[in-house]
Amino acid sequence: MGKRKSKAKPPPKKRMDKLDTVFSCPFCNHGTSVECRIDMKNMIGEASCGICQESFSTTISGICESSVECTLSEPIDVYSEWIDECERVNNPDDDGA
């Protein structure tokens, strides 16, 4: 007689931790004062500080072929672009050449 097949349990699903949407301000250095919002209708990402009222907005990409909601830009991406832009403005001699 053959062995009985054991019922293998499926591997546990990996839980994706949510990324932050609140960050520290590059101008006033106040922690958790910058809130990032994504406007999928207008394809705009906006980061603004609640303390010093500084803000930054950029265009985002969010095109997907599937019917599931798909964003290619997250709040962390908008904040990172803001930080990169601040560094680029502060270091005009480092323009990549």
N, C-alpha and C. Protein backbone atom coordinates (compact mmCIF):
# COMPACT_ATOMS: atom_id res chain seq x y z
N MET A 1 0.83 -1.17 0.00
CA MET A 1 0.00 0.00 0.00
C MET A 1 0.88 1.25 0.00
N GLY A 2 0.35 2.26 -0.62
CA GLY A 2 1.09 3.51 -0.72
C GLY A 2 0.88 4.40 0.50
N LYS A 3 1.75 5.37 0.62
CA LYS A 3 1.64 6.32 1.73
C LYS A 3 0.50 7.28 1.46
N ARG A 4 -0.07 7.76 2.52
CA ARG A 4 -1.10 8.79 2.38
C ARG A 4 -0.43 10.13 2.11
N LYS A 5 -1.07 10.89 1.25
CA LYS A 5 -0.52 12.21 0.95
C LYS A 5 -0.86 13.16 2.08
N SER A 6 0.14 13.87 2.53
CA SER A 6 -0.11 14.85 3.58
C SER A 6 -0.64 16.13 2.95
N LYS A 7 -1.53 16.76 3.66
CA LYS A 7 -2.08 18.02 3.16
C LYS A 7 -1.10 19.14 3.52
N ALA A 8 -0.44 19.63 2.52
CA ALA A 8 0.54 20.69 2.74
C ALA A 8 -0.20 22.02 2.92
N LYS A 9 0.18 22.71 3.96
CA LYS A 9 -0.42 24.02 4.20
C LYS A 9 0.20 25.02 3.24
N PRO A 10 -0.62 25.93 2.70
CA PRO A 10 -0.04 26.95 1.82
C PRO A 10 0.86 27.87 2.63
N PRO A 11 1.89 28.42 2.00
CA PRO A 11 2.78 29.32 2.74
C PRO A 11 2.01 30.55 3.20
N PRO A 12 2.39 31.09 4.35
CA PRO A 12 1.68 32.27 4.85
C PRO A 12 1.89 33.45 3.91
N LYS A 13 0.85 34.28 3.78
CA LYS A 13 0.96 35.45 2.94
C LYS A 13 1.85 36.48 3.60
N LYS A 14 2.70 37.09 2.78
CA LYS A 14 3.58 38.13 3.30
C LYS A 14 2.78 39.40 3.50
N ARG A 15 2.90 39.95 4.67
CA ARG A 15 2.16 41.16 4.98
C ARG A 15 2.98 42.37 4.57
N MET A 16 2.39 43.22 3.76
CA MET A 16 3.07 44.43 3.33
C MET A 16 2.80 45.54 4.34
N ASP A 17 3.86 46.07 4.93
CA ASP A 17 3.71 47.18 5.85
C ASP A 17 3.43 48.44 5.05
N LYS A 18 2.54 49.28 5.57
CA LYS A 18 2.22 50.51 4.88
C LYS A 18 3.39 51.48 5.02
N LEU A 19 3.62 52.21 3.94
CA LEU A 19 4.68 53.22 3.95
C LEU A 19 4.18 54.47 4.66
N ASP A 20 5.12 55.24 5.17
CA ASP A 20 4.78 56.47 5.89
C ASP A 20 4.16 57.49 4.95
N THR A 21 3.30 58.33 5.49
CA THR A 21 2.76 59.46 4.75
C THR A 21 3.08 60.77 5.46
N VAL A 22 3.74 60.71 6.62
CA VAL A 22 4.11 61.89 7.39
C VAL A 22 5.61 61.87 7.60
N PHE A 23 6.27 63.01 7.35
CA PHE A 23 7.72 63.08 7.39
C PHE A 23 8.19 64.34 8.09
N SER A 24 9.51 64.50 8.25
CA SER A 24 10.06 65.71 8.86
C SER A 24 10.31 66.75 7.78
N CYS A 25 10.16 68.00 8.14
CA CYS A 25 10.28 69.11 7.19
C CYS A 25 11.76 69.43 6.93
N PRO A 26 12.15 69.60 5.65
CA PRO A 26 13.54 69.95 5.36
C PRO A 26 13.88 71.40 5.67
N PHE A 27 12.87 72.24 5.91
CA PHE A 27 13.11 73.65 6.18
C PHE A 27 13.11 73.96 7.67
N CYS A 28 12.09 73.51 8.40
CA CYS A 28 12.02 73.84 9.83
C CYS A 28 12.48 72.67 10.70
N ASN A 29 12.79 71.52 10.11
CA ASN A 29 13.28 70.32 10.81
C ASN A 29 12.33 69.83 11.91
N HIS A 30 11.07 70.16 11.78
CA HIS A 30 10.09 69.68 12.75
C HIS A 30 9.64 68.28 12.32
N GLY A 31 9.78 67.31 13.21
CA GLY A 31 9.41 65.94 12.89
C GLY A 31 7.92 65.77 12.73
N THR A 32 7.51 64.94 11.84
CA THR A 32 6.12 64.58 11.53
C THR A 32 5.25 65.78 11.21
N SER A 33 5.79 66.79 10.56
CA SER A 33 4.99 67.95 10.21
C SER A 33 4.64 67.99 8.72
N VAL A 34 5.33 67.21 7.90
CA VAL A 34 5.07 67.20 6.47
C VAL A 34 4.10 66.06 6.15
N GLU A 35 2.99 66.42 5.52
CA GLU A 35 2.00 65.43 5.12
C GLU A 35 1.97 65.38 3.60
N CYS A 36 2.00 64.18 3.05
CA CYS A 36 1.98 64.00 1.61
C CYS A 36 0.62 63.47 1.18
N ARG A 37 0.10 64.06 0.11
CA ARG A 37 -1.18 63.62 -0.43
C ARG A 37 -1.02 63.35 -1.92
N ILE A 38 -1.74 62.33 -2.39
CA ILE A 38 -1.73 61.96 -3.79
C ILE A 38 -3.12 62.22 -4.37
N ASP A 39 -3.18 63.01 -5.43
CA ASP A 39 -4.44 63.27 -6.12
C ASP A 39 -4.40 62.52 -7.45
N MET A 40 -5.05 61.33 -7.47
CA MET A 40 -5.00 60.49 -8.66
C MET A 40 -5.83 61.08 -9.80
N LYS A 41 -6.84 61.88 -9.49
CA LYS A 41 -7.67 62.46 -10.54
C LYS A 41 -6.88 63.45 -11.37
N ASN A 42 -6.09 64.30 -10.71
CA ASN A 42 -5.29 65.31 -11.41
C ASN A 42 -3.85 64.89 -11.60
N MET A 43 -3.48 63.69 -11.12
CA MET A 43 -2.12 63.15 -11.24
C MET A 43 -1.08 64.09 -10.63
N ILE A 44 -1.38 64.56 -9.40
CA ILE A 44 -0.49 65.48 -8.69
C ILE A 44 -0.21 64.92 -7.30
N GLY A 45 1.05 64.97 -6.89
CA GLY A 45 1.45 64.64 -5.54
C GLY A 45 1.87 65.90 -4.83
N GLU A 46 1.40 66.10 -3.60
CA GLU A 46 1.70 67.34 -2.88
C GLU A 46 2.21 67.01 -1.49
N ALA A 47 3.28 67.67 -1.10
CA ALA A 47 3.83 67.57 0.26
C ALA A 47 3.80 68.96 0.86
N SER A 48 3.25 69.09 2.07
CA SER A 48 3.20 70.40 2.70
C SER A 48 3.46 70.28 4.19
N CYS A 49 4.16 71.29 4.73
CA CYS A 49 4.49 71.34 6.15
C CYS A 49 3.39 72.10 6.89
N GLY A 50 2.92 71.55 7.98
CA GLY A 50 1.89 72.19 8.77
C GLY A 50 2.43 73.26 9.69
N ILE A 51 3.74 73.31 9.90
CA ILE A 51 4.35 74.27 10.81
C ILE A 51 4.79 75.54 10.06
N CYS A 52 5.66 75.36 9.05
CA CYS A 52 6.20 76.54 8.35
C CYS A 52 5.48 76.82 7.03
N GLN A 53 4.47 76.04 6.67
CA GLN A 53 3.64 76.25 5.50
C GLN A 53 4.38 76.11 4.17
N GLU A 54 5.57 75.50 4.17
CA GLU A 54 6.27 75.22 2.91
C GLU A 54 5.55 74.07 2.21
N SER A 55 5.56 74.10 0.88
CA SER A 55 4.90 73.03 0.14
C SER A 55 5.65 72.74 -1.14
N PHE A 56 5.38 71.55 -1.68
CA PHE A 56 6.00 71.09 -2.92
C PHE A 56 4.97 70.23 -3.63
N SER A 57 4.86 70.40 -4.93
CA SER A 57 3.96 69.55 -5.70
C SER A 57 4.67 69.09 -6.96
N THR A 58 4.32 67.88 -7.40
CA THR A 58 4.93 67.29 -8.57
C THR A 58 3.92 66.40 -9.27
N THR A 59 4.18 66.12 -10.53
CA THR A 59 3.31 65.20 -11.25
C THR A 59 3.68 63.78 -10.89
N ILE A 60 2.69 62.91 -10.89
CA ILE A 60 2.92 61.51 -10.55
C ILE A 60 2.49 60.63 -11.70
N SER A 61 2.91 59.39 -11.66
CA SER A 61 2.46 58.42 -12.66
C SER A 61 1.65 57.35 -11.95
N GLY A 62 0.59 56.93 -12.56
CA GLY A 62 -0.26 55.92 -11.93
C GLY A 62 -1.03 55.13 -12.95
N ILE A 63 -0.43 54.84 -14.10
CA ILE A 63 -1.13 54.13 -15.16
C ILE A 63 -0.84 52.64 -15.02
N CYS A 64 -1.91 51.85 -15.03
CA CYS A 64 -1.79 50.40 -14.96
C CYS A 64 -2.75 49.76 -15.95
N GLU A 65 -2.39 48.58 -16.41
CA GLU A 65 -3.29 47.87 -17.32
C GLU A 65 -4.35 47.09 -16.55
N SER A 66 -4.09 46.74 -15.31
CA SER A 66 -5.05 45.93 -14.55
C SER A 66 -6.13 46.81 -13.95
N SER A 67 -7.22 46.17 -13.55
CA SER A 67 -8.34 46.92 -12.96
C SER A 67 -8.11 47.21 -11.48
N VAL A 68 -7.08 46.62 -10.89
CA VAL A 68 -6.74 46.84 -9.50
C VAL A 68 -6.07 48.20 -9.37
N GLU A 69 -6.35 48.92 -8.28
CA GLU A 69 -5.74 50.24 -8.09
C GLU A 69 -4.23 50.10 -8.08
N CYS A 70 -3.58 50.87 -8.90
CA CYS A 70 -2.13 50.78 -9.03
C CYS A 70 -1.54 52.18 -9.04
N THR A 71 -0.73 52.48 -8.04
CA THR A 71 -0.05 53.77 -8.02
C THR A 71 1.44 53.53 -8.15
N LEU A 72 2.03 54.20 -9.07
CA LEU A 72 3.47 54.10 -9.26
C LEU A 72 4.20 55.18 -8.48
N SER A 73 3.47 56.08 -7.86
CA SER A 73 4.05 57.08 -6.98
C SER A 73 3.36 56.98 -5.63
N GLU A 74 4.13 56.89 -4.60
CA GLU A 74 3.64 56.82 -3.23
C GLU A 74 4.03 58.12 -2.53
N PRO A 75 3.46 58.39 -1.36
CA PRO A 75 3.84 59.60 -0.63
C PRO A 75 5.35 59.71 -0.37
N ILE A 76 5.99 58.58 -0.13
CA ILE A 76 7.44 58.61 0.09
C ILE A 76 8.17 59.07 -1.17
N ASP A 77 7.62 58.77 -2.35
CA ASP A 77 8.23 59.21 -3.60
C ASP A 77 8.12 60.73 -3.76
N VAL A 78 6.98 61.30 -3.38
CA VAL A 78 6.78 62.74 -3.47
C VAL A 78 7.75 63.44 -2.52
N TYR A 79 7.86 62.92 -1.28
CA TYR A 79 8.78 63.51 -0.30
C TYR A 79 10.22 63.40 -0.78
N SER A 80 10.59 62.27 -1.36
CA SER A 80 11.96 62.08 -1.85
C SER A 80 12.28 63.05 -2.98
N GLU A 81 11.30 63.28 -3.86
CA GLU A 81 11.52 64.26 -4.94
C GLU A 81 11.71 65.66 -4.37
N TRP A 82 10.99 65.99 -3.29
CA TRP A 82 11.12 67.29 -2.65
C TRP A 82 12.53 67.45 -2.07
N ILE A 83 13.01 66.42 -1.39
CA ILE A 83 14.36 66.45 -0.82
C ILE A 83 15.40 66.57 -1.93
N ASP A 84 15.24 65.81 -3.01
CA ASP A 84 16.17 65.89 -4.13
C ASP A 84 16.18 67.27 -4.76
N GLU A 85 15.01 67.88 -4.89
CA GLU A 85 14.92 69.22 -5.46
C GLU A 85 15.59 70.24 -4.55
N CYS A 86 15.43 70.10 -3.23
CA CYS A 86 16.10 71.01 -2.28
C CYS A 86 17.61 70.89 -2.40
N GLU A 87 18.11 69.66 -2.52
CA GLU A 87 19.55 69.46 -2.66
C GLU A 87 20.05 70.02 -3.98
N ARG A 88 19.27 69.87 -5.05
CA ARG A 88 19.68 70.39 -6.35
C ARG A 88 19.75 71.92 -6.33
N VAL A 89 18.81 72.57 -5.66
CA VAL A 89 18.80 74.03 -5.59
C VAL A 89 19.95 74.52 -4.72
N ASN A 90 20.26 73.81 -3.65
CA ASN A 90 21.33 74.23 -2.74
C ASN A 90 22.72 73.97 -3.30
N ASN A 91 22.85 73.06 -4.26
CA ASN A 91 24.14 72.74 -4.86
C ASN A 91 24.08 72.96 -6.37
N PRO A 92 24.03 74.22 -6.83
CA PRO A 92 23.90 74.47 -8.28
C PRO A 92 25.15 74.08 -9.06
N ASP A 93 26.32 73.98 -8.41
CA ASP A 93 27.54 73.63 -9.14
C ASP A 93 27.61 72.13 -9.43
N ASP A 94 26.82 71.31 -8.77
CA ASP A 94 26.80 69.86 -8.98
C ASP A 94 25.64 69.50 -9.90
N ASP A 95 25.68 69.99 -11.13
CA ASP A 95 24.57 69.75 -12.06
C ASP A 95 24.77 68.49 -12.89
N GLY A 96 25.65 67.61 -12.46
CA GLY A 96 25.86 66.35 -13.15
C GLY A 96 26.96 66.40 -14.21
N ALA A 97 27.62 67.50 -14.37
CA ALA A 97 28.68 67.60 -15.37
C ALA A 97 30.04 67.49 -14.74
